[in-house]
Amino acid sequence: MGATSGAVWGRAEQQDFRSRVRGTLLGVAVGDALGAPVDGLGLEEIRQACGADGVVDLLPAYGRRGAVTHHTQLTLFSVDGLIRAQVRRDTGVWHPPTDLHRAYLRWAATQRDWGPDERRKDDGWLAREEWLYARRDPTRALLVGFGDATMGTLDAPRNPAERGPEAAARSAPFGLLVGWEPQLVVQLAVECAAQSHGHPAACLAAGAYAAVVHALARGSGLEDAVRYALGLLAVRPGHQPVTVALEQALGAVRQGPPTAERVEELVADGTAEGTVAAAVYCALVAEDVRQGLRLAVNHSGPSAAAGALAGGLLGALYGETALPPAWLAELEGRPTLLVLADDFAMEMTQGPALHGPAGSSPGWLARYPRGGACCS
């Protein structure tokens, strides 16, 4: 794995990056929350329940408006794992997929435990957030993939036939590693996807999505970012299903005004590549974030995943101020999301001042311990 760059960040660059990190994480969550109440429903069922325009506002799910699903939960633990990987690097150990796997095992503990276990001192602060101890319909692939300490790899993936979008939907944080070379960002996303969704198309869809976010976080426009991701994919065996799906998304933009039916065509049977392509299309044709997210969740496919994926793209593209304030006000876990986003931005821009040869911040290491424990 590669390292973050040693570039010095100016104040304006830091502020822009922080806004994009916040936008990405909040975008994932608000898109997830918008799609959660209708996830798995057919388009006609959605219209019957919500009216001809389908979902246009946050609706109750899991007992409240603005509730998020496992997509947001796992995205948060992706961020936690990336910060922990940076901190652990000081020890001479540098294998980010392992740190991400440990983070996902901490998520798995939230799915079976009643609440935080104070005896696990190396869990860090995120695993002690009580609101995360809630099952939000995680798929069997996730529960099996992180059901024990065995880490899936590209040579021995977990659930090798699993092609769903869940791994891609937790992969936006990889794209925020703006100091990394793009092909290394793709590699990390692909390797971490194999920990639960081992089908090559699911892994490469996660890698492609991370590459698009990476380009956006560095200031690219969305179409340029997608074309750049296609170039990175082209050298990887088995890329064809993902490449075809993304090219269909680009082509659909020129086929007239956006419709739910066009989104359905791209989503198809809800595979990772189809859902990522649909999210890309929704972000490309959106006049604003609100319209893009509404388009992303009104179809017969995985509405929460598509909303999360589209939200991550729009947030990375426009930053946090473009997200609908009324939706953010009701978003479950928003304080946690903001703290984690700011911690990630601080680690990526000022990490050496927080931990390293010159000294370490005890508070930072308490939040993101170097220890390797995860859960029993």
Protein backbone atom coordinates (compact mmCIF):
# COMPACT_ATOMS: atom_id res chain seq x y z
CA MET A 1 0.00 0.00 0.00
CA GLY A 2 1.09 3.54 -0.66
CA ALA A 3 1.44 6.42 1.73
CA THR A 4 -0.19 9.78 2.00
CA SER A 5 1.71 12.65 0.48
CA GLY A 6 3.94 14.89 2.52
CA ALA A 7 2.52 18.04 0.94
CA VAL A 8 1.94 21.07 3.13
CA TRP A 9 -1.71 22.10 3.24
CA GLY A 10 -2.67 25.76 3.09
CA ARG A 11 -5.58 27.02 5.13
CA ALA A 12 -7.92 27.36 2.13
CA GLU A 13 -7.03 23.84 0.98
CA GLN A 14 -7.72 22.44 4.44
CA GLN A 15 -11.11 24.16 4.60
CA ASP A 16 -12.08 22.91 1.15
CA PHE A 17 -11.00 19.38 2.00
CA ARG A 18 -12.89 19.41 5.29
CA SER A 19 -16.03 20.59 3.50
CA ARG A 20 -15.73 17.78 0.97
CA VAL A 21 -15.12 15.17 3.68
CA ARG A 22 -18.13 16.41 5.63
CA GLY A 23 -20.16 16.56 2.43
CA THR A 24 -19.22 13.02 1.48
CA LEU A 25 -20.07 11.43 4.82
CA LEU A 26 -23.23 13.47 5.37
CA GLY A 27 -24.23 12.85 1.76
CA VAL A 28 -23.89 9.09 2.18
CA ALA A 29 -25.99 9.22 5.33
CA VAL A 30 -28.76 11.49 4.06
CA GLY A 31 -29.10 9.52 0.82
CA ASP A 32 -29.21 6.31 2.86
CA ALA A 33 -31.88 7.78 5.15
CA LEU A 34 -33.98 8.99 2.21
CA GLY A 35 -33.98 5.54 0.63
CA ALA A 36 -34.31 3.45 3.78
CA PRO A 37 -38.13 3.59 4.16
CA VAL A 38 -38.70 2.25 0.61
CA ASP A 39 -35.70 -0.05 0.26
CA GLY A 40 -36.71 -3.15 -1.66
CA LEU A 41 -40.13 -1.86 -2.72
CA GLY A 42 -41.13 -1.82 -6.38
CA LEU A 43 -41.47 1.52 -8.13
CA GLU A 44 -45.25 1.22 -8.34
CA GLU A 45 -45.41 0.30 -4.65
CA ILE A 46 -43.40 3.42 -3.83
CA ARG A 47 -45.74 5.57 -5.90
CA GLN A 48 -48.80 4.03 -4.33
CA ALA A 49 -47.43 4.68 -0.85
CA CYS A 50 -45.89 8.13 -1.44
CA GLY A 51 -47.74 9.63 -4.40
CA ALA A 52 -46.96 9.99 -8.10
CA ASP A 53 -43.59 11.62 -7.43
CA GLY A 54 -42.50 8.88 -5.05
CA VAL A 55 -40.24 9.76 -2.12
CA VAL A 56 -39.67 13.51 -1.96
CA ASP A 57 -38.82 13.95 1.74
CA LEU A 58 -37.51 11.97 4.69
CA LEU A 59 -40.00 9.36 5.88
CA PRO A 60 -40.09 7.26 9.06
CA ALA A 61 -37.96 4.12 9.18
CA TYR A 62 -36.86 2.13 12.23
CA GLY A 63 -39.12 4.29 14.39
CA ARG A 64 -37.93 7.77 13.34
CA ARG A 65 -37.40 10.11 10.42
CA GLY A 66 -33.84 10.36 9.16
CA ALA A 67 -32.81 6.89 10.31
CA VAL A 68 -29.77 5.43 8.57
CA THR A 69 -28.99 1.83 7.68
CA HIS A 70 -25.96 -0.44 7.74
CA HIS A 71 -24.56 1.49 4.75
CA THR A 72 -23.91 4.54 6.91
CA GLN A 73 -22.80 2.47 9.88
CA LEU A 74 -20.15 0.71 7.80
CA THR A 75 -19.07 3.93 6.11
CA LEU A 76 -18.34 5.37 9.56
CA PHE A 77 -16.28 2.33 10.47
CA SER A 78 -14.43 2.65 7.14
CA VAL A 79 -13.35 6.13 8.23
CA ASP A 80 -12.40 4.87 11.68
CA GLY A 81 -10.31 2.10 10.13
CA LEU A 82 -8.50 4.51 7.82
CA ILE A 83 -7.57 6.82 10.69
CA ARG A 84 -6.41 3.85 12.76
CA ALA A 85 -4.28 2.65 9.82
CA GLN A 86 -2.52 6.00 9.71
CA VAL A 87 -1.91 5.95 13.47
CA ARG A 88 -0.70 2.34 13.47
CA ARG A 89 1.79 3.14 10.74
CA ASP A 90 4.00 4.73 13.40
CA THR A 91 4.58 1.24 14.80
CA GLY A 92 6.12 0.08 11.53
CA VAL A 93 3.01 -1.95 10.68
CA TRP A 94 1.42 -0.79 7.43
CA HIS A 95 -1.37 -2.93 6.03
CA PRO A 96 -4.56 -0.86 5.77
CA PRO A 97 -6.84 -3.77 4.70
CA THR A 98 -6.14 -5.39 8.08
CA ASP A 99 -7.02 -2.19 9.94
CA LEU A 100 -10.22 -1.87 7.90
CA HIS A 101 -11.10 -5.47 8.65
CA ARG A 102 -10.65 -4.83 12.37
CA ALA A 103 -12.93 -1.81 12.04
CA TYR A 104 -15.58 -3.90 10.30
CA LEU A 105 -15.35 -6.48 13.07
CA ARG A 106 -16.06 -3.65 15.52
CA TRP A 107 -19.15 -2.88 13.42
CA ALA A 108 -20.14 -6.55 13.58
CA ALA A 109 -20.01 -6.34 17.38
CA THR A 110 -22.59 -3.54 17.24
CA GLN A 111 -24.91 -5.92 15.42
CA ARG A 112 -24.88 -8.60 18.13
CA ASP A 113 -24.11 -6.76 21.40
CA TRP A 114 -26.58 -4.73 23.46
CA GLY A 115 -24.12 -1.88 23.81
CA PRO A 116 -20.44 -0.93 24.10
CA ASP A 117 -18.14 -3.24 26.06
CA GLU A 118 -15.98 -1.01 28.25
CA ARG A 119 -13.55 -3.88 28.77
CA ARG A 120 -12.36 -3.54 25.16
CA LYS A 121 -10.00 -0.62 25.71
CA ASP A 122 -8.64 -0.69 22.18
CA ASP A 123 -12.00 -0.19 20.50
CA GLY A 124 -11.68 3.60 20.32
CA TRP A 125 -14.45 6.17 20.63
CA LEU A 126 -16.63 5.27 17.64
CA ALA A 127 -17.37 1.77 18.93
CA ARG A 128 -18.62 3.38 22.15
CA GLU A 129 -21.34 5.37 20.36
CA GLU A 130 -24.50 3.73 21.69
CA TRP A 131 -26.75 4.76 18.80
CA LEU A 132 -24.72 2.53 16.48
CA TYR A 133 -25.82 -0.56 18.40
CA ALA A 134 -28.84 -1.12 16.19
CA ARG A 135 -29.53 -3.69 13.49
CA ARG A 136 -30.59 -1.95 10.31
CA ASP A 137 -31.26 -4.92 8.07
CA PRO A 138 -27.66 -5.90 7.30
CA THR A 139 -27.47 -8.43 4.50
CA ARG A 140 -26.41 -12.00 5.06
CA ALA A 141 -23.22 -11.34 3.09
CA LEU A 142 -22.18 -8.70 5.62
CA LEU A 143 -23.00 -10.83 8.65
CA VAL A 144 -21.17 -13.83 7.19
CA GLY A 145 -18.24 -11.79 5.88
CA PHE A 146 -17.61 -10.24 9.28
CA GLY A 147 -18.97 -13.11 11.34
CA ASP A 148 -15.54 -14.30 12.44
CA ALA A 149 -11.95 -13.09 12.46
CA THR A 150 -11.05 -14.61 9.07
CA MET A 151 -10.25 -11.78 6.66
CA GLY A 152 -11.29 -12.20 3.07
CA THR A 153 -8.62 -11.42 0.47
CA LEU A 154 -8.55 -11.23 -3.32
CA ASP A 155 -7.02 -14.71 -3.38
CA ALA A 156 -9.55 -16.08 -0.88
CA PRO A 157 -12.56 -13.72 -0.85
CA ARG A 158 -15.52 -14.06 1.48
CA ASN A 159 -18.81 -14.80 -0.29
CA PRO A 160 -17.19 -15.20 -3.73
CA ALA A 161 -20.55 -15.22 -5.54
CA GLU A 162 -21.91 -12.12 -3.78
CA ARG A 163 -22.47 -9.25 -6.23
CA GLY A 164 -24.58 -6.81 -4.21
CA PRO A 165 -23.83 -3.10 -3.73
CA GLU A 166 -23.11 -3.10 0.02
CA ALA A 167 -19.31 -3.10 -0.27
CA ALA A 168 -19.38 -0.23 -2.76
CA ALA A 169 -21.74 1.70 -0.50
CA ARG A 170 -19.16 1.77 2.32
CA SER A 171 -16.27 2.76 0.02
CA ALA A 172 -16.59 6.55 -0.27
CA PRO A 173 -14.00 7.15 2.49
CA PHE A 174 -11.29 5.44 0.41
CA GLY A 175 -11.76 8.13 -2.19
CA LEU A 176 -11.00 10.79 0.42
CA LEU A 177 -7.39 9.59 0.63
CA VAL A 178 -6.43 12.50 -1.61
CA GLY A 179 -2.69 12.11 -0.94
CA TRP A 180 -2.68 8.57 -2.33
CA GLU A 181 -2.04 7.58 -5.91
CA PRO A 182 -5.40 6.79 -7.57
CA GLN A 183 -4.54 3.21 -8.47
CA LEU A 184 -3.68 2.52 -4.82
CA VAL A 185 -7.06 3.94 -3.76
CA VAL A 186 -8.72 1.53 -6.19
CA GLN A 187 -6.63 -1.36 -4.86
CA LEU A 188 -7.54 -0.67 -1.24
CA ALA A 189 -11.26 -0.44 -2.03
CA VAL A 190 -11.11 -3.65 -4.05
CA GLU A 191 -9.25 -5.53 -1.31
CA CYS A 192 -11.64 -4.35 1.39
CA ALA A 193 -14.70 -5.22 -0.72
CA ALA A 194 -13.42 -8.81 -0.95
CA GLN A 195 -13.83 -9.06 2.82
CA SER A 196 -17.60 -9.43 2.36
CA HIS A 197 -18.50 -9.31 -1.36
CA GLY A 198 -16.10 -11.52 -3.24
CA HIS A 199 -17.52 -11.42 -6.77
CA PRO A 200 -15.02 -9.60 -9.03
CA ALA A 201 -17.69 -7.19 -10.27
CA ALA A 202 -18.64 -6.20 -6.72
CA CYS A 203 -14.99 -5.61 -5.83
CA LEU A 204 -14.26 -3.60 -8.96
CA ALA A 205 -17.46 -1.58 -8.60
CA ALA A 206 -16.25 -0.55 -5.14
CA GLY A 207 -12.87 0.35 -6.61
CA ALA A 208 -14.42 2.37 -9.42
CA TYR A 209 -16.68 4.25 -7.02
CA ALA A 210 -13.74 5.09 -4.74
CA ALA A 211 -11.80 6.33 -7.77
CA VAL A 212 -14.63 8.67 -8.76
CA VAL A 213 -14.85 10.08 -5.23
CA HIS A 214 -11.06 10.46 -5.20
CA ALA A 215 -11.11 12.57 -8.36
CA LEU A 216 -14.01 14.67 -7.04
CA ALA A 217 -12.25 15.29 -3.74
CA ARG A 218 -9.28 16.58 -5.72
CA GLY A 219 -11.46 19.05 -7.61
CA SER A 220 -12.48 17.22 -10.81
CA GLY A 221 -15.88 17.53 -12.40
CA LEU A 222 -18.10 14.46 -12.23
CA GLU A 223 -17.98 13.34 -15.86
CA ASP A 224 -14.21 13.75 -15.94
CA ALA A 225 -13.99 11.80 -12.69
CA VAL A 226 -16.02 8.91 -14.14
CA ARG A 227 -13.92 8.81 -17.30
CA TYR A 228 -10.77 8.82 -15.18
CA ALA A 229 -12.10 5.91 -13.16
CA LEU A 230 -12.82 4.03 -16.40
CA GLY A 231 -9.18 4.49 -17.38
CA LEU A 232 -8.01 3.08 -14.06
CA LEU A 233 -10.38 0.12 -14.42
CA ALA A 234 -9.26 -0.74 -17.92
CA VAL A 235 -6.02 -2.35 -16.73
CA ARG A 236 -7.79 -4.69 -14.30
CA PRO A 237 -8.92 -8.18 -15.30
CA GLY A 238 -12.67 -8.67 -15.19
CA HIS A 239 -13.48 -4.97 -15.46
CA GLN A 240 -15.91 -5.33 -18.35
CA PRO A 241 -19.23 -5.52 -16.41
CA VAL A 242 -18.36 -2.41 -14.39
CA THR A 243 -17.01 -0.56 -17.42
CA VAL A 244 -20.14 -1.32 -19.45
CA ALA A 245 -22.41 -0.18 -16.60
CA LEU A 246 -20.57 3.12 -16.16
CA GLU A 247 -20.51 3.77 -19.90
CA GLN A 248 -24.27 3.16 -19.97
CA ALA A 249 -24.67 5.74 -17.21
CA LEU A 250 -22.71 8.30 -19.22
CA GLY A 251 -24.75 7.53 -22.32
CA ALA A 252 -28.07 7.78 -20.49
CA VAL A 253 -27.35 11.42 -19.64
CA ARG A 254 -27.90 12.30 -23.31
CA GLN A 255 -31.17 10.38 -23.66
CA GLY A 256 -33.51 13.10 -22.48
CA PRO A 257 -34.86 14.31 -19.14
CA PRO A 258 -34.14 11.99 -16.18
CA THR A 259 -36.86 9.54 -15.18
CA ALA A 260 -37.27 6.83 -12.59
CA GLU A 261 -37.63 4.32 -15.41
CA ARG A 262 -34.20 5.22 -16.75
CA VAL A 263 -32.73 4.76 -13.28
CA GLU A 264 -34.41 1.35 -13.10
CA GLU A 265 -32.79 0.33 -16.38
CA LEU A 266 -29.37 1.16 -14.99
CA VAL A 267 -29.96 -0.48 -11.60
CA ALA A 268 -31.21 -3.60 -13.38
CA ASP A 269 -31.18 -6.47 -10.86
CA GLY A 270 -29.45 -4.52 -8.11
CA THR A 271 -25.88 -5.64 -8.68
CA ALA A 272 -23.02 -3.51 -7.40
CA GLU A 273 -22.10 -2.27 -10.86
CA GLY A 274 -25.69 -1.42 -11.75
CA THR A 275 -26.33 0.43 -8.51
CA VAL A 276 -23.08 2.41 -8.78
CA ALA A 277 -23.93 3.28 -12.39
CA ALA A 278 -27.41 4.46 -11.38
CA ALA A 279 -25.93 6.62 -8.62
CA VAL A 280 -23.44 8.14 -11.08
CA TYR A 281 -26.27 8.90 -13.51
CA CYS A 282 -28.39 10.53 -10.80
CA ALA A 283 -25.49 12.72 -9.71
CA LEU A 284 -24.69 13.67 -13.32
CA VAL A 285 -28.20 14.79 -14.25
CA ALA A 286 -29.11 16.42 -10.92
CA GLU A 287 -29.81 20.13 -10.89
CA ASP A 288 -29.07 20.07 -7.15
CA VAL A 289 -28.43 17.58 -4.37
CA ARG A 290 -32.09 17.27 -3.42
CA GLN A 291 -33.16 16.32 -6.94
CA GLY A 292 -30.26 13.90 -7.34
CA LEU A 293 -31.07 12.05 -4.14
CA ARG A 294 -34.78 11.86 -4.91
CA LEU A 295 -33.98 10.38 -8.28
CA ALA A 296 -31.56 7.91 -6.70
CA VAL A 297 -34.09 6.34 -4.33
CA ASN A 298 -37.24 6.12 -6.47
CA HIS A 299 -36.87 2.79 -8.27
CA SER A 300 -37.40 -0.92 -7.69
CA GLY A 301 -33.80 -1.65 -6.74
CA PRO A 302 -31.78 -1.13 -3.55
CA SER A 303 -32.96 2.40 -2.75
CA ALA A 304 -30.87 2.92 0.39
CA ALA A 305 -27.64 1.80 -1.29
CA ALA A 306 -28.28 3.90 -4.39
CA GLY A 307 -29.12 6.91 -2.24
CA ALA A 308 -25.96 6.44 -0.18
CA LEU A 309 -23.80 6.10 -3.29
CA ALA A 310 -25.31 9.14 -4.99
CA GLY A 311 -25.06 11.16 -1.77
CA GLY A 312 -21.37 10.39 -1.44
CA LEU A 313 -20.73 11.61 -4.98
CA LEU A 314 -22.75 14.80 -4.60
CA GLY A 315 -21.22 15.58 -1.22
CA ALA A 316 -17.68 15.10 -2.52
CA LEU A 317 -18.48 17.23 -5.56
CA TYR A 318 -20.17 20.18 -3.86
CA GLY A 319 -19.20 20.02 -0.18
CA GLU A 320 -21.39 20.07 2.90
CA THR A 321 -23.11 23.42 2.26
CA ALA A 322 -24.92 22.02 -0.80
CA LEU A 323 -26.77 19.39 1.23
CA PRO A 324 -30.42 20.12 2.18
CA PRO A 325 -30.35 21.67 5.68
CA ALA A 326 -33.84 20.40 6.57
CA TRP A 327 -32.76 16.83 5.91
CA LEU A 328 -29.51 17.21 7.80
CA ALA A 329 -31.41 18.59 10.80
CA GLU A 330 -33.29 15.28 11.16
CA LEU A 331 -30.40 12.98 10.24
CA GLU A 332 -29.66 10.25 12.76
CA GLY A 333 -26.15 10.36 14.14
CA ARG A 334 -25.27 13.74 12.61
CA PRO A 335 -23.04 14.82 15.56
CA THR A 336 -21.03 11.60 15.25
CA LEU A 337 -20.71 12.02 11.50
CA LEU A 338 -19.40 15.56 11.87
CA VAL A 339 -16.86 14.69 14.56
CA LEU A 340 -15.57 11.72 12.57
CA ALA A 341 -15.38 13.78 9.37
CA ASP A 342 -13.38 16.50 11.10
CA ASP A 343 -11.09 13.93 12.73
CA PHE A 344 -10.44 12.33 9.35
CA ALA A 345 -9.68 15.70 7.76
CA MET A 346 -7.35 16.56 10.63
CA GLU A 347 -5.54 13.22 10.40
CA MET A 348 -5.06 13.54 6.64
CA THR A 349 -3.81 17.12 6.77
CA GLN A 350 -2.02 17.27 10.13
CA GLY A 351 -1.35 13.66 11.11
CA PRO A 352 2.40 14.07 11.80
CA ALA A 353 1.60 16.72 14.40
CA LEU A 354 -0.83 14.37 16.17
CA HIS A 355 1.37 11.29 16.31
CA GLY A 356 4.87 10.61 15.12
CA PRO A 357 8.56 10.84 15.93
CA ALA A 358 8.24 14.38 17.27
CA GLY A 359 5.64 13.36 19.86
CA SER A 360 2.05 12.23 20.14
CA SER A 361 -1.22 13.58 21.44
CA PRO A 362 -2.46 11.27 24.22
CA GLY A 363 -6.02 12.31 23.52
CA TRP A 364 -5.74 11.36 19.85
CA LEU A 365 -4.26 7.97 20.65
CA ALA A 366 -7.06 7.35 23.15
CA ARG A 367 -9.59 8.05 20.41
CA TYR A 368 -7.74 6.01 17.79
CA PRO A 369 -5.62 3.45 19.66
CA ARG A 370 -2.67 1.75 18.04
CA GLY A 371 -3.67 -1.56 19.58
CA GLY A 372 -4.89 -4.34 17.36
CA ALA A 373 -7.82 -5.63 19.40
CA CYS A 374 -11.26 -5.52 17.84
CA CYS A 375 -13.80 -7.82 19.39
CA SER A 376 -14.14 -11.29 20.73
